[in-house]
Amino acid sequence: MEAIVDGLKHDPFPSSAVRLRGSRAAYRIREGNYRILYEVHATEVVVYVFGIAHRKEVHRILLQRKQHATGS
């Protein structure tokens, strides 16, 4: 998994990346039972990994992130 995250430095849009619905900058990569969640900020040339979790837990992370963003 570390190799995948390191690879995002060179290619933030690998063929295995899927853009998350409702977001312009958030993506996920499947790695077995785990998901790597990240954002690409092209204007800053930054890749921000905001979560790596088991697939059963990834929705909880996304919900918490959404609630934090809306101030709920």
N, C-alpha and C. Protein backbone atom coordinates (compact mmCIF):
# COMPACT_ATOMS: atom_id res chain seq x y z
N MET A 1 0.83 -1.19 0.00
CA MET A 1 0.00 0.00 0.00
C MET A 1 0.87 1.26 0.00
N GLU A 2 1.98 1.17 0.69
CA GLU A 2 2.91 2.31 0.73
C GLU A 2 3.42 2.65 -0.67
N ALA A 3 3.66 1.64 -1.49
CA ALA A 3 4.14 1.88 -2.85
C ALA A 3 3.10 2.62 -3.69
N ILE A 4 1.82 2.31 -3.46
CA ILE A 4 0.76 3.00 -4.20
C ILE A 4 0.71 4.47 -3.81
N VAL A 5 0.75 4.75 -2.51
CA VAL A 5 0.73 6.13 -2.03
C VAL A 5 1.95 6.88 -2.56
N ASP A 6 3.12 6.26 -2.50
CA ASP A 6 4.33 6.90 -3.03
C ASP A 6 4.20 7.16 -4.53
N GLY A 7 3.55 6.26 -5.25
CA GLY A 7 3.38 6.43 -6.69
C GLY A 7 2.51 7.61 -7.06
N LEU A 8 1.65 8.05 -6.13
CA LEU A 8 0.79 9.20 -6.40
C LEU A 8 1.60 10.48 -6.60
N LYS A 9 2.82 10.51 -6.08
CA LYS A 9 3.70 11.67 -6.28
C LYS A 9 4.02 11.85 -7.76
N HIS A 10 4.16 10.74 -8.46
CA HIS A 10 4.55 10.78 -9.86
C HIS A 10 3.35 10.75 -10.81
N ASP A 11 2.28 10.07 -10.39
CA ASP A 11 1.07 9.97 -11.20
C ASP A 11 -0.14 9.99 -10.28
N PRO A 12 -0.72 11.17 -10.04
CA PRO A 12 -1.87 11.25 -9.12
C PRO A 12 -3.16 10.67 -9.70
N PHE A 13 -3.14 10.28 -10.98
CA PHE A 13 -4.33 9.73 -11.62
C PHE A 13 -4.04 8.38 -12.26
N PRO A 14 -3.63 7.37 -11.47
CA PRO A 14 -3.36 6.06 -12.06
C PRO A 14 -4.66 5.46 -12.62
N SER A 15 -4.54 4.48 -13.48
CA SER A 15 -5.72 3.89 -14.12
C SER A 15 -6.68 3.26 -13.11
N SER A 16 -6.18 2.90 -11.93
CA SER A 16 -7.03 2.29 -10.91
C SER A 16 -7.79 3.31 -10.06
N ALA A 17 -7.53 4.59 -10.26
CA ALA A 17 -8.18 5.64 -9.47
C ALA A 17 -9.59 5.91 -9.99
N VAL A 18 -10.52 6.10 -9.06
CA VAL A 18 -11.90 6.42 -9.40
C VAL A 18 -12.27 7.70 -8.67
N ARG A 19 -12.81 8.68 -9.41
CA ARG A 19 -13.23 9.93 -8.77
C ARG A 19 -14.47 9.66 -7.93
N LEU A 20 -14.50 10.24 -6.74
CA LEU A 20 -15.64 10.06 -5.85
C LEU A 20 -16.79 10.97 -6.28
N ARG A 21 -17.99 10.42 -6.25
CA ARG A 21 -19.16 11.21 -6.62
C ARG A 21 -19.30 12.42 -5.71
N GLY A 22 -19.70 13.54 -6.28
CA GLY A 22 -19.93 14.75 -5.51
C GLY A 22 -18.67 15.53 -5.19
N SER A 23 -17.56 15.13 -5.76
CA SER A 23 -16.30 15.83 -5.50
C SER A 23 -15.54 16.01 -6.80
N ARG A 24 -14.90 17.14 -6.94
CA ARG A 24 -14.07 17.39 -8.11
C ARG A 24 -12.65 16.88 -7.92
N ALA A 25 -12.21 16.78 -6.67
CA ALA A 25 -10.79 16.51 -6.42
C ALA A 25 -10.53 15.22 -5.65
N ALA A 26 -11.56 14.51 -5.18
CA ALA A 26 -11.36 13.33 -4.34
C ALA A 26 -11.44 12.05 -5.17
N TYR A 27 -10.53 11.13 -4.87
CA TYR A 27 -10.42 9.87 -5.58
C TYR A 27 -10.24 8.73 -4.60
N ARG A 28 -10.45 7.50 -5.10
CA ARG A 28 -10.15 6.32 -4.31
C ARG A 28 -9.45 5.31 -5.17
N ILE A 29 -8.61 4.51 -4.52
CA ILE A 29 -7.94 3.39 -5.17
C ILE A 29 -8.23 2.16 -4.33
N ARG A 30 -8.68 1.09 -4.97
CA ARG A 30 -8.93 -0.17 -4.28
C ARG A 30 -7.64 -0.97 -4.20
N GLU A 31 -7.37 -1.49 -3.04
CA GLU A 31 -6.22 -2.37 -2.84
C GLU A 31 -6.68 -3.51 -1.95
N GLY A 32 -7.13 -4.59 -2.57
CA GLY A 32 -7.68 -5.70 -1.81
C GLY A 32 -8.92 -5.25 -1.07
N ASN A 33 -8.96 -5.48 0.24
CA ASN A 33 -10.09 -5.07 1.06
C ASN A 33 -9.95 -3.65 1.61
N TYR A 34 -8.94 -2.94 1.17
CA TYR A 34 -8.70 -1.58 1.66
C TYR A 34 -8.91 -0.56 0.56
N ARG A 35 -9.16 0.67 0.96
CA ARG A 35 -9.32 1.78 0.03
C ARG A 35 -8.40 2.91 0.43
N ILE A 36 -7.75 3.51 -0.54
CA ILE A 36 -6.93 4.69 -0.32
C ILE A 36 -7.75 5.87 -0.82
N LEU A 37 -8.04 6.81 0.05
CA LEU A 37 -8.83 7.98 -0.28
C LEU A 37 -7.91 9.18 -0.34
N TYR A 38 -8.02 9.96 -1.41
CA TYR A 38 -7.11 11.09 -1.53
C TYR A 38 -7.70 12.19 -2.40
N GLU A 39 -7.14 13.37 -2.26
CA GLU A 39 -7.52 14.53 -3.07
C GLU A 39 -6.30 15.01 -3.84
N VAL A 40 -6.55 15.56 -5.02
CA VAL A 40 -5.48 16.14 -5.82
C VAL A 40 -5.77 17.63 -5.94
N HIS A 41 -4.85 18.44 -5.46
CA HIS A 41 -4.96 19.89 -5.56
C HIS A 41 -3.94 20.34 -6.61
N ALA A 42 -4.38 20.36 -7.85
CA ALA A 42 -3.48 20.62 -8.97
C ALA A 42 -2.85 22.02 -8.93
N THR A 43 -3.60 22.99 -8.43
CA THR A 43 -3.05 24.35 -8.39
C THR A 43 -1.89 24.45 -7.40
N GLU A 44 -1.88 23.57 -6.41
CA GLU A 44 -0.82 23.57 -5.41
C GLU A 44 0.16 22.43 -5.64
N VAL A 45 -0.11 21.56 -6.59
CA VAL A 45 0.67 20.36 -6.85
C VAL A 45 0.82 19.55 -5.56
N VAL A 46 -0.33 19.23 -4.96
CA VAL A 46 -0.38 18.50 -3.70
C VAL A 46 -1.35 17.33 -3.83
N VAL A 47 -0.93 16.18 -3.32
CA VAL A 47 -1.82 15.04 -3.18
C VAL A 47 -1.99 14.81 -1.69
N TYR A 48 -3.22 14.90 -1.21
CA TYR A 48 -3.52 14.79 0.21
C TYR A 48 -4.26 13.49 0.45
N VAL A 49 -3.59 12.50 1.07
CA VAL A 49 -4.23 11.23 1.41
C VAL A 49 -4.98 11.46 2.71
N PHE A 50 -6.32 11.37 2.65
CA PHE A 50 -7.11 11.64 3.85
C PHE A 50 -7.66 10.38 4.48
N GLY A 51 -7.33 9.23 3.96
CA GLY A 51 -7.76 8.01 4.62
C GLY A 51 -7.29 6.77 3.91
N ILE A 52 -6.95 5.78 4.72
CA ILE A 52 -6.72 4.42 4.25
C ILE A 52 -7.47 3.55 5.23
N ALA A 53 -8.45 2.81 4.71
CA ALA A 53 -9.30 2.06 5.62
C ALA A 53 -9.80 0.79 4.95
N HIS A 54 -10.21 -0.14 5.79
CA HIS A 54 -10.86 -1.34 5.29
C HIS A 54 -12.13 -0.92 4.58
N ARG A 55 -12.52 -1.65 3.56
CA ARG A 55 -13.67 -1.25 2.74
C ARG A 55 -14.95 -1.12 3.54
N LYS A 56 -15.06 -1.82 4.66
CA LYS A 56 -16.26 -1.70 5.51
C LYS A 56 -16.29 -0.38 6.27
N GLU A 57 -15.14 0.23 6.44
CA GLU A 57 -15.02 1.47 7.22
C GLU A 57 -14.93 2.73 6.36
N VAL A 58 -14.71 2.58 5.07
CA VAL A 58 -14.44 3.74 4.22
C VAL A 58 -15.63 4.69 4.17
N HIS A 59 -16.84 4.18 4.20
CA HIS A 59 -18.01 5.06 4.15
C HIS A 59 -18.12 5.92 5.40
N ARG A 60 -17.71 5.39 6.55
CA ARG A 60 -17.71 6.16 7.79
C ARG A 60 -16.74 7.34 7.68
N ILE A 61 -15.57 7.10 7.09
CA ILE A 61 -14.59 8.17 6.92
C ILE A 61 -15.15 9.26 6.01
N LEU A 62 -15.77 8.85 4.91
CA LEU A 62 -16.34 9.82 3.98
C LEU A 62 -17.46 10.62 4.63
N LEU A 63 -18.31 9.96 5.43
CA LEU A 63 -19.40 10.66 6.12
C LEU A 63 -18.84 11.67 7.12
N GLN A 64 -17.84 11.28 7.90
CA GLN A 64 -17.23 12.20 8.86
C GLN A 64 -16.60 13.39 8.15
N ARG A 65 -15.96 13.13 7.04
CA ARG A 65 -15.33 14.20 6.26
C ARG A 65 -16.37 15.18 5.73
N LYS A 66 -17.49 14.65 5.24
CA LYS A 66 -18.56 15.48 4.71
C LYS A 66 -19.19 16.32 5.83
N GLN A 67 -19.42 15.70 7.00
CA GLN A 67 -20.00 16.42 8.12
C GLN A 67 -19.06 17.53 8.59
N HIS A 68 -17.78 17.25 8.59
CA HIS A 68 -16.79 18.26 9.00
C HIS A 68 -16.81 19.45 8.03
N ALA A 69 -16.91 19.15 6.74
CA ALA A 69 -16.90 20.20 5.73
C ALA A 69 -18.14 21.10 5.79
N THR A 70 -19.27 20.50 6.19
CA THR A 70 -20.52 21.28 6.25
C THR A 70 -20.74 21.88 7.63
N GLY A 71 -19.91 21.50 8.58
CA GLY A 71 -20.04 22.05 9.94
C GLY A 71 -21.15 21.39 10.75
N SER A 72 -21.64 20.25 10.29
CA SER A 72 -22.71 19.52 11.00
C SER A 72 -22.16 18.73 12.15
